[in-house]
Each structure stands twice: as structure tokens, then as C-alpha cells.
Amino acid sequence: HYWQKQRLRTKLGTAFLLTTLVPFFILALAIHFVGNRFVNSIVMERNQFLAEHIGVHLEQMLGEKINTLKFTAASPAMQSLGTPVQTEILASMVRLDPDLLIVVMSDRNGRQVARSDAQKPDPNINYSDRSYYKTALATKQTAFSETQASRSTGILSIAVAQPILDKQLEIRGLIIAVIDLQKIIDLTRKYEFTPNSFAFLVNADGEILYHPGRNIGENLSGLLPIQKMQVTKDGAVFYELDGKEFVGGYSRISQPGWFLVVRQPLDEALADMDWLRNVLVFLFLFTVLLSILTGIRIARSISQPITDMAVMAERLAGSNLN
């Protein structure tokens, strides 16, 4: 009875609003669920892009040093061990590349035969027991060390060993370049958003090379992004650590086989996307308001002529010809 008593304009306006708003609310629910997946996808893609971006720069940086070492090792001047010209070649490498702390040359038994700092080879230093040295000897390929600290200065560094091969491809010795790790750290620190959002590096065994919040050498091989990089070179995943959710973009650096992860707490990552949610809410409310105003106007434009005709009919029925 209540609906029958309403004016035609009210009925038309209500019907129009219902047929307009119900689909909008259904659409809003769909946007809520689909939108969350869309936002999560954007968050993952952003972290993956950052990881790939840093990874490309690191590969370029390390690739230049590897190429320099290979070029130097292939030089005929490096075939005879312990000559003054070799000391000058090693010294020129350090002068041309400020990232290098020192470059030394050793024989295949690990004994120093030349140094870039022009000092006499130290008979007390032998590299033969070091894992990267053994790897270079076994594979005849460039090998990288874990993070190491200088005994005299405490400077963190990475050693790179490049075999010197003769014409029969037998190893005559090795060139060992020590890279200042701070240069690599500075590159990754450019992308630290907050104290909890940063990039970190681990080696092929999952041992930390650089991490702002953990100790060097700590093993993170069980971390989901590290496990994923064993299968795919680049990507992003959601994972949990110490009871907190994170999004981690990752990229594997082919040479020397390091893993780089850009991690960000999930709540921080989603907070960065609040502007997108706000835009969607604003557009929805604006559309609803526009629909209401349009519905009222259309209802009025339809009902007014009908109302006027009804009034005229009543007047004719009452013989009111005015």
C-alpha cells in the first residue's frame, strides 16, 4: 500500500536508481576483490623491476672488472712470472679502476709473485687454501670469494681470481683482484626506501654478502626468494619471515652467480598503493552521485508531462475548459 500511494515521479526515480545502483554495487564488490589482486600485482612488479634494475647495474660493474682481468691474463707479458713489467700492469689496473683495493699475481701453488702496490711479494701469504682459488684452479674460470675483511684496515671486500693460461691451456698462475665491497653496497643502498625496505646480496650458497640487518656469512638459503632464484632468474614473491609478511623482488646475477633481493614489508608496500584505492573509491562515489542526480532529472522529465496530462484530464472531466 505504501508503494501504491507514492507519486509517479517517486516511483520512476526509485526504479531508475535501483536499476542503476544495484549493478554499481555489484561492480564495487568485483573491484574490491579484483582490485586487491591488481594492487598486489603492481607491488610485485615494482619490486621485481627494482631487483632487475640493480642486478643489471651490478652485472655491468662486475662484468667490466672480469673483462679487464681476462684481458690482462691473456697478455703475453703475464706469461712469465715475477717480472717488473707485471708489477706495472697490476698497478695500472688499480689506477684505472678506483673500486680495486689491490691486485696481486700468484703462481699456481698460491704464492705471491707480484703486487700492484710495488711492495715485495709476501712469502707468508698463500692463497692455495682459499675456496675461490681452488675453484679457479679446478674450473680454469673466474671465481669470486665470499665477503672478507682486511686484517689491517677492516675494509670489507670481494676477491676475484682469474687464471693465467698458457698456449696449452694449462694454468701458470692467477691474477687476484680485491674489490672494495663498499662500492657494491653503495649501489644497492640507492634503493633503500625505509629501514625495513632494502636490497641485499647473497652468494650462490645463500650466504649473506651484504644485508643491513643481518650478519655477513649468515645463511638465507631457506628464504623463499632465494629458493625461487634457483629456478627462475627474475621474479617476485610474497613470503613470511619472523612472523611478518614481505614482498621480495629478486634477480640472479649470472656472473658471479649471486642472488639479489629487494624486500619490502607487505604493509608498507600496500600503503604506498593507497592512492590507487582512493582514486577508485572517489570514482565510484562520483559515479553514484551522478547516477542519482541523473535519475532524479530523468524521472522528473518523464513524470511531469504525465502529471500535466492527468491534471488536464481532471479539468476536462469537471467541464473546466479554461
Protein backbone atom coordinates (compact mmCIF):
# COMPACT_ATOMS: atom_id res chain seq x y z
CA HIS A 1 0.00 0.00 0.00
CA TYR A 2 2.86 2.36 0.76
CA TRP A 3 4.31 1.91 -2.77
CA GLN A 4 0.89 2.45 -4.38
CA LYS A 5 0.43 5.72 -2.56
CA GLN A 6 3.70 7.17 -3.89
CA ARG A 7 3.67 9.73 -6.68
CA LEU A 8 4.60 8.66 -10.19
CA ARG A 9 7.78 10.75 -10.08
CA THR A 10 8.90 8.99 -6.89
CA LYS A 11 8.19 5.56 -8.38
CA LEU A 12 10.09 6.32 -11.58
CA GLY A 13 13.04 7.83 -9.70
CA THR A 14 13.23 4.88 -7.31
CA ALA A 15 13.03 2.34 -10.11
CA PHE A 16 15.75 4.13 -12.08
CA LEU A 17 18.04 4.36 -9.05
CA LEU A 18 17.59 0.68 -8.25
CA THR A 19 18.31 -0.43 -11.81
CA THR A 20 21.36 1.87 -11.87
CA LEU A 21 22.86 1.45 -8.39
CA VAL A 22 22.49 -2.32 -7.98
CA PRO A 23 24.88 -3.03 -10.87
CA PHE A 24 27.24 -0.39 -9.47
CA PHE A 25 27.35 -2.08 -6.07
CA ILE A 26 27.93 -5.45 -7.72
CA LEU A 27 30.72 -3.80 -9.72
CA ALA A 28 32.12 -2.31 -6.48
CA LEU A 29 32.36 -5.75 -4.90
CA ALA A 30 34.09 -7.06 -8.00
CA ILE A 31 36.53 -4.13 -7.96
CA HIS A 32 37.24 -4.78 -4.27
CA PHE A 33 38.35 -8.35 -4.88
CA VAL A 34 39.88 -7.89 -8.31
CA GLY A 35 41.41 -4.56 -7.24
CA ASN A 36 43.30 -6.19 -4.37
CA ARG A 37 44.81 -8.69 -6.77
CA PHE A 38 45.62 -5.86 -9.16
CA VAL A 39 47.35 -3.87 -6.40
CA ASN A 40 49.30 -6.96 -5.28
CA SER A 41 50.39 -7.48 -8.87
CA ILE A 42 51.62 -3.88 -9.12
CA VAL A 43 53.55 -4.23 -5.84
CA MET A 44 55.24 -7.42 -7.05
CA GLU A 45 56.09 -5.95 -10.46
CA ARG A 46 57.59 -2.85 -8.86
CA ASN A 47 59.89 -4.84 -6.59
CA GLN A 48 60.84 -7.17 -9.44
CA PHE A 49 61.68 -4.16 -11.62
CA LEU A 50 63.91 -2.69 -8.89
CA ALA A 51 65.70 -6.02 -8.39
CA GLU A 52 66.29 -6.38 -12.14
CA HIS A 53 67.44 -2.75 -12.36
CA ILE A 54 70.01 -3.16 -9.58
CA GLY A 55 71.02 -6.56 -10.96
CA VAL A 56 71.76 -5.08 -14.39
CA HIS A 57 73.97 -2.39 -12.87
CA LEU A 58 75.84 -4.93 -10.74
CA GLU A 59 76.36 -7.23 -13.71
CA GLN A 60 77.73 -4.32 -15.73
CA MET A 61 80.02 -3.26 -12.90
CA LEU A 62 81.36 -6.76 -12.26
CA GLY A 63 81.43 -7.62 -15.96
CA GLU A 64 83.80 -4.75 -16.66
CA LYS A 65 86.19 -5.98 -13.99
CA ILE A 66 86.01 -9.58 -15.21
CA ASN A 67 86.73 -8.49 -18.78
CA THR A 68 89.71 -6.44 -17.59
CA LEU A 69 91.07 -9.42 -15.66
CA LYS A 70 90.63 -11.76 -18.63
CA PHE A 71 92.28 -9.29 -20.99
CA THR A 72 95.20 -8.83 -18.61
CA ALA A 73 95.58 -12.58 -18.01
CA ALA A 74 95.72 -13.16 -21.78
CA SER A 75 98.53 -10.64 -22.21
CA PRO A 76 101.88 -12.22 -23.23
CA ALA A 77 103.57 -10.04 -20.59
CA MET A 78 101.78 -12.03 -17.87
CA GLN A 79 103.08 -15.42 -19.01
CA SER A 80 106.47 -15.07 -17.29
CA LEU A 81 106.03 -14.76 -13.56
CA GLY A 82 107.57 -12.13 -11.33
CA THR A 83 108.89 -9.54 -13.82
CA PRO A 84 108.83 -5.75 -13.19
CA VAL A 85 106.51 -5.19 -16.13
CA GLN A 86 103.86 -7.31 -14.44
CA THR A 87 104.01 -5.11 -11.35
CA GLU A 88 103.43 -2.07 -13.55
CA ILE A 89 100.48 -3.76 -15.30
CA LEU A 90 98.88 -4.60 -11.96
CA ALA A 91 99.46 -1.04 -10.72
CA SER A 92 97.84 0.41 -13.84
CA MET A 93 94.74 -1.72 -13.20
CA VAL A 94 94.31 -0.13 -9.77
CA ARG A 95 94.94 3.36 -11.13
CA LEU A 96 92.29 2.92 -13.81
CA ASP A 97 89.69 1.33 -11.52
CA PRO A 98 89.17 3.04 -8.13
CA ASP A 99 86.98 0.13 -6.99
CA LEU A 100 90.06 -2.10 -6.76
CA LEU A 101 91.93 -2.08 -3.47
CA ILE A 102 94.86 -4.17 -4.66
CA VAL A 103 95.71 -6.62 -7.44
CA VAL A 104 98.23 -9.42 -6.94
CA MET A 105 99.66 -12.21 -9.05
CA SER A 106 100.39 -15.68 -7.75
CA ASP A 107 101.87 -18.85 -9.14
CA ARG A 108 99.73 -21.98 -9.43
CA ASN A 109 100.82 -23.00 -5.91
CA GLY A 110 99.29 -19.87 -4.39
CA ARG A 111 102.49 -17.92 -3.65
CA GLN A 112 102.61 -14.18 -4.42
CA VAL A 113 104.90 -13.20 -7.27
CA ALA A 114 103.82 -9.58 -7.94
CA ARG A 115 101.73 -6.82 -6.31
CA SER A 116 100.10 -3.65 -7.62
CA ASP A 117 101.42 -1.61 -4.67
CA ALA A 118 105.02 -2.30 -5.76
CA GLN A 119 105.83 -3.99 -2.45
CA LYS A 120 107.78 -7.22 -2.44
CA PRO A 121 105.65 -10.38 -2.57
CA ASP A 122 104.84 -11.57 0.93
CA PRO A 123 106.20 -15.11 1.42
CA ASN A 124 103.83 -15.60 4.36
CA ILE A 125 100.73 -15.25 2.19
CA ASN A 126 99.49 -18.29 0.32
CA TYR A 127 96.14 -18.47 -1.46
CA SER A 128 96.07 -22.19 -2.19
CA ASP A 129 93.83 -22.99 0.78
CA ARG A 130 91.14 -20.46 -0.18
CA SER A 131 87.93 -21.75 -1.74
CA TYR A 132 87.78 -19.24 -4.60
CA TYR A 133 91.40 -20.04 -5.50
CA LYS A 134 90.63 -23.74 -5.58
CA THR A 135 87.55 -23.09 -7.73
CA ALA A 136 89.59 -21.05 -10.23
CA LEU A 137 92.19 -23.80 -10.44
CA ALA A 138 89.61 -26.56 -10.85
CA THR A 139 87.42 -24.80 -13.44
CA LYS A 140 90.01 -22.58 -15.15
CA GLN A 141 87.34 -19.88 -14.92
CA THR A 142 86.89 -16.65 -12.98
CA ALA A 143 85.99 -17.30 -9.34
CA PHE A 144 84.67 -15.00 -6.60
CA SER A 145 85.28 -15.17 -2.88
CA GLU A 146 82.84 -14.65 -0.05
CA THR A 147 82.87 -11.31 1.77
CA GLN A 148 86.18 -10.85 3.58
CA ALA A 149 87.64 -8.18 5.85
CA SER A 150 91.15 -6.80 5.57
CA ARG A 151 93.26 -7.78 8.57
CA SER A 152 94.98 -4.39 8.62
CA THR A 153 92.18 -1.96 7.67
CA GLY A 154 88.99 -3.92 8.34
CA ILE A 155 87.66 -2.92 4.91
CA LEU A 156 85.11 -5.37 3.54
CA SER A 157 85.99 -6.72 0.12
CA ILE A 158 85.45 -9.41 -2.50
CA ALA A 159 88.36 -11.21 -4.16
CA VAL A 160 88.18 -12.22 -7.83
CA ALA A 161 90.63 -14.84 -9.13
CA GLN A 162 91.39 -15.10 -12.85
CA PRO A 163 93.59 -17.97 -14.15
CA ILE A 164 96.53 -17.20 -16.44
CA LEU A 165 96.59 -19.90 -19.12
CA ASP A 166 99.44 -20.79 -21.44
CA LYS A 167 99.05 -21.91 -25.04
CA GLN A 168 98.30 -25.46 -23.92
CA LEU A 169 95.55 -24.03 -21.66
CA GLU A 170 97.48 -25.03 -18.57
CA ILE A 171 97.41 -22.72 -15.56
CA ARG A 172 100.63 -20.81 -14.98
CA GLY A 173 99.30 -18.60 -12.24
CA LEU A 174 96.40 -16.42 -11.18
CA ILE A 175 95.58 -12.72 -11.01
CA ILE A 176 93.66 -11.85 -7.85
CA ALA A 177 91.83 -8.52 -7.74
CA VAL A 178 90.36 -7.31 -4.44
CA ILE A 179 87.19 -5.21 -4.93
CA ASP A 180 86.02 -2.74 -2.32
CA LEU A 181 82.63 -4.11 -1.22
CA GLN A 182 81.53 -0.61 -0.24
CA LYS A 183 81.16 0.24 -3.95
CA ILE A 184 78.67 -2.60 -4.33
CA ILE A 185 76.91 -1.63 -1.09
CA ASP A 186 76.57 1.98 -2.26
CA LEU A 187 74.85 0.79 -5.41
CA THR A 188 72.27 -1.27 -3.52
CA ARG A 189 71.70 1.44 -0.89
CA LYS A 190 70.36 3.80 -3.54
CA TYR A 191 67.17 1.78 -3.39
CA GLU A 192 66.55 1.71 0.37
CA PHE A 193 63.04 3.11 0.91
CA THR A 194 62.78 2.75 4.69
CA PRO A 195 64.84 0.99 7.40
CA ASN A 196 62.79 -2.15 6.65
CA SER A 197 62.80 -1.87 2.85
CA PHE A 198 66.14 -2.51 1.18
CA ALA A 199 68.16 -4.66 -1.21
CA PHE A 200 70.58 -7.36 -0.05
CA LEU A 201 73.04 -9.76 -1.64
CA VAL A 202 73.79 -13.43 -1.04
CA ASN A 203 76.19 -15.76 -2.83
CA ALA A 204 75.30 -18.95 -4.70
CA ASP A 205 75.21 -20.89 -1.40
CA GLY A 206 72.76 -18.40 0.17
CA GLU A 207 75.38 -16.85 2.45
CA ILE A 208 75.00 -13.12 3.04
CA LEU A 209 77.42 -10.85 1.23
CA TYR A 210 75.58 -7.68 2.25
CA HIS A 211 72.47 -7.23 4.40
CA PRO A 212 71.68 -4.12 6.52
CA GLY A 213 70.02 -6.15 9.28
CA ARG A 214 71.91 -9.43 9.45
CA ASN A 215 75.46 -10.71 9.82
CA ILE A 216 77.73 -11.35 6.86
CA GLY A 217 78.02 -15.08 6.19
CA GLU A 218 74.62 -15.92 7.69
CA ASN A 219 72.83 -18.47 5.51
CA LEU A 220 69.48 -17.50 3.98
CA SER A 221 69.18 -20.39 1.52
CA GLY A 222 65.82 -21.34 3.06
CA LEU A 223 64.29 -17.98 2.20
CA LEU A 224 61.61 -18.29 -0.49
CA PRO A 225 63.06 -15.68 -2.91
CA ILE A 226 66.45 -17.45 -2.76
CA GLN A 227 64.79 -20.78 -3.50
CA LYS A 228 62.87 -19.25 -6.42
CA MET A 229 66.09 -17.90 -7.93
CA GLN A 230 67.40 -21.44 -8.18
CA VAL A 231 64.68 -21.97 -10.82
CA THR A 232 63.96 -18.57 -12.38
CA LYS A 233 66.39 -15.68 -12.92
CA ASP A 234 63.99 -12.84 -12.09
CA GLY A 235 60.65 -12.54 -10.35
CA ALA A 236 58.84 -11.58 -7.15
CA VAL A 237 57.09 -13.47 -4.35
CA PHE A 238 55.22 -12.88 -1.12
CA TYR A 239 56.88 -14.59 1.83
CA GLU A 240 56.90 -14.63 5.62
CA LEU A 241 59.91 -14.05 7.87
CA ASP A 242 59.93 -13.83 11.67
CA GLY A 243 56.13 -13.63 11.69
CA LYS A 244 55.94 -10.71 9.26
CA GLU A 245 54.87 -10.69 5.61
CA PHE A 246 57.15 -9.30 2.92
CA VAL A 247 57.19 -8.88 -0.83
CA GLY A 248 60.55 -9.73 -2.39
CA GLY A 249 61.67 -8.92 -5.90
CA TYR A 250 64.69 -10.98 -6.92
CA SER A 251 67.28 -11.17 -9.66
CA ARG A 252 70.10 -13.65 -10.17
CA ILE A 253 73.41 -12.09 -11.21
CA SER A 254 74.77 -14.61 -13.69
CA GLN A 255 78.40 -13.78 -13.08
CA PRO A 256 79.40 -14.46 -10.30
CA GLY A 257 76.15 -16.32 -9.53
CA TRP A 258 74.99 -14.02 -6.74
CA PHE A 259 71.38 -13.53 -5.69
CA LEU A 260 69.94 -10.05 -5.18
CA VAL A 261 66.68 -9.48 -3.31
CA VAL A 262 64.72 -6.23 -2.93
CA ARG A 263 62.50 -6.81 0.09
CA GLN A 264 59.69 -4.62 1.44
CA PRO A 265 57.22 -5.25 4.28
CA LEU A 266 53.86 -6.00 2.72
CA ASP A 267 52.02 -3.43 4.83
CA GLU A 268 54.43 -0.70 3.68
CA ALA A 269 54.14 -1.81 0.06
CA LEU A 270 50.34 -1.75 0.19
CA ALA A 271 50.34 1.61 1.99
CA ASP A 272 52.21 3.03 -0.99
CA MET A 273 49.27 1.95 -3.16
CA ASP A 274 46.57 3.64 -1.02
CA TRP A 275 46.37 6.45 -3.57
CA LEU A 276 45.11 3.96 -6.14
CA ARG A 277 42.40 2.71 -3.80
CA ASN A 278 41.42 6.30 -3.00
CA VAL A 279 41.10 7.10 -6.70
CA LEU A 280 38.89 4.05 -7.25
CA VAL A 281 36.67 4.97 -4.27
CA PHE A 282 36.39 8.57 -5.47
CA LEU A 283 35.42 7.48 -8.98
CA PHE A 284 32.82 5.08 -7.58
CA LEU A 285 31.22 7.69 -5.29
CA PHE A 286 31.27 10.29 -8.05
CA THR A 287 29.55 7.86 -10.42
CA VAL A 288 26.91 7.00 -7.80
CA LEU A 289 26.19 10.68 -7.13
CA LEU A 290 25.98 11.40 -10.85
CA SER A 291 23.58 8.48 -11.29
CA ILE A 292 21.33 9.75 -8.50
CA LEU A 293 21.15 13.26 -9.96
CA THR A 294 20.59 11.88 -13.45
CA GLY A 295 17.87 9.54 -12.18
CA ILE A 296 16.03 12.38 -10.46
CA ARG A 297 16.21 14.53 -13.59
CA ILE A 298 15.03 11.74 -15.90
CA ALA A 299 12.20 10.81 -13.51
CA ARG A 300 11.10 14.42 -13.42
CA SER A 301 11.24 14.77 -17.22
CA ILE A 302 9.09 11.65 -17.66
CA SER A 303 6.61 12.23 -14.84
CA GLN A 304 5.96 15.93 -15.36
CA PRO A 305 4.21 15.62 -18.77
CA ILE A 306 2.16 12.70 -17.45
CA THR A 307 1.18 14.68 -14.36
CA ASP A 308 0.19 17.68 -16.51
CA MET A 309 -1.96 15.44 -18.73
CA ALA A 310 -3.62 13.94 -15.67
CA VAL A 311 -4.44 17.39 -14.29
CA MET A 312 -5.84 18.46 -17.69
CA ALA A 313 -7.95 15.31 -17.90
CA GLU A 314 -9.39 16.04 -14.45
CA ARG A 315 -10.27 19.54 -15.56
CA LEU A 316 -11.99 18.29 -18.72
CA ALA A 317 -13.88 15.77 -16.68
CA GLY A 318 -15.07 18.62 -14.48
CA SER A 319 -16.03 20.67 -17.56
CA ASN A 320 -13.39 23.24 -16.72
CA LEU A 321 -12.48 24.37 -20.23
CA ASN A 322 -10.21 27.14 -19.01
